[in-house]
């Protein structure tokens, strides 16, 4: 599919440079690879976010207080 994308001149130059080093004329494959990487990263971040949210409330109040106190004490020793 063809589309128009607005980008900075320096980004276009960098993409063309990457494509040239790969022996390609245009930068479509470089851009497609970058988009795939970005989308994969977004899926991974969303999955991690859901996993972390599922842990909410998994510590009792006492466990949370103990962890908070231990963390505070540890941080004090860094100074």
Protein backbone atom coordinates (compact mmCIF):
# COMPACT_ATOMS: atom_id res chain seq x y z
CA UNK A 1 0.00 0.00 0.00
CA UNK A 2 1.26 3.46 -0.81
CA UNK A 3 0.80 6.40 1.52
CA UNK A 4 2.30 9.77 2.33
CA UNK A 5 4.22 10.24 5.56
CA UNK A 6 5.46 13.56 6.90
CA UNK A 7 8.97 13.30 8.36
CA UNK A 8 11.98 15.42 9.15
CA UNK A 9 14.59 15.77 6.43
CA UNK A 10 17.24 14.23 8.68
CA UNK A 11 15.03 11.19 9.32
CA UNK A 12 14.55 10.69 5.59
CA UNK A 13 18.30 10.98 5.04
CA UNK A 14 19.01 8.46 7.78
CA UNK A 15 16.46 6.01 6.35
CA UNK A 16 17.92 6.37 2.87
CA UNK A 17 21.39 5.77 4.32
CA UNK A 18 20.26 2.60 6.06
CA UNK A 19 18.58 1.37 2.90
CA UNK A 20 21.68 2.13 0.82
CA UNK A 21 23.86 0.12 3.22
CA UNK A 22 21.48 -2.78 2.66
CA UNK A 23 21.72 -2.34 -1.08
CA UNK A 24 18.14 -1.13 -1.43
CA UNK A 25 17.01 1.87 -3.48
CA UNK A 26 14.16 3.10 -1.29
CA UNK A 27 13.57 2.92 2.42
CA UNK A 28 10.17 1.19 2.44
CA UNK A 29 11.55 -2.06 3.89
CA UNK A 30 13.50 -0.15 6.56
CA UNK A 31 10.36 1.77 7.49
CA UNK A 32 8.25 -1.42 7.53
CA UNK A 33 10.79 -3.06 9.84
CA UNK A 34 10.74 -0.03 12.17
CA UNK A 35 6.94 -0.08 12.28
CA UNK A 36 6.90 -3.81 13.08
CA UNK A 37 9.41 -3.27 15.90
CA UNK A 38 7.36 -0.40 17.31
CA UNK A 39 4.09 -2.34 17.18
CA UNK A 40 5.72 -5.39 18.79
CA UNK A 41 7.07 -3.16 21.56
CA UNK A 42 3.63 -1.66 22.13
CA UNK A 43 2.07 -5.13 22.41
CA UNK A 44 4.78 -6.17 24.87
CA UNK A 45 4.34 -3.00 26.96
CA UNK A 46 0.57 -3.50 27.08
CA UNK A 47 0.98 -7.12 28.18
CA UNK A 48 3.42 -6.07 30.94
CA UNK A 49 1.04 -3.31 32.03
CA UNK A 50 -1.80 -5.84 32.36
CA UNK A 51 0.43 -8.26 34.28
CA UNK A 52 1.49 -5.53 36.70
CA UNK A 53 -2.08 -4.33 37.21
CA UNK A 54 -3.14 -7.90 37.99
CA UNK A 55 -0.71 -7.86 40.93
CA UNK A 56 -2.52 -4.95 42.61
CA UNK A 57 -3.60 -5.99 46.08
CA UNK A 58 -1.51 -9.18 46.09
CA UNK A 59 0.40 -8.03 49.21
CA UNK A 60 -1.33 -7.73 52.54
CA UNK A 61 -1.18 -4.36 54.30
CA UNK A 62 1.44 -5.77 56.66
CA UNK A 63 3.57 -7.15 53.81
CA UNK A 64 3.31 -3.84 51.96
CA UNK A 65 4.38 -1.90 55.08
CA UNK A 66 7.31 -4.28 55.66
CA UNK A 67 8.41 -3.90 52.05
CA UNK A 68 8.08 -0.11 52.22
CA UNK A 69 10.15 0.02 55.43
CA UNK A 70 12.84 -2.29 54.04
CA UNK A 71 13.04 -0.26 50.84
CA UNK A 72 13.30 3.01 52.78
CA UNK A 73 16.07 1.58 54.97
CA UNK A 74 17.95 0.31 51.94
CA UNK A 75 17.68 3.66 50.19
CA UNK A 76 18.95 5.45 53.32
CA UNK A 77 22.11 3.33 53.19
CA UNK A 78 22.82 4.55 49.64
CA UNK A 79 23.38 8.12 50.78
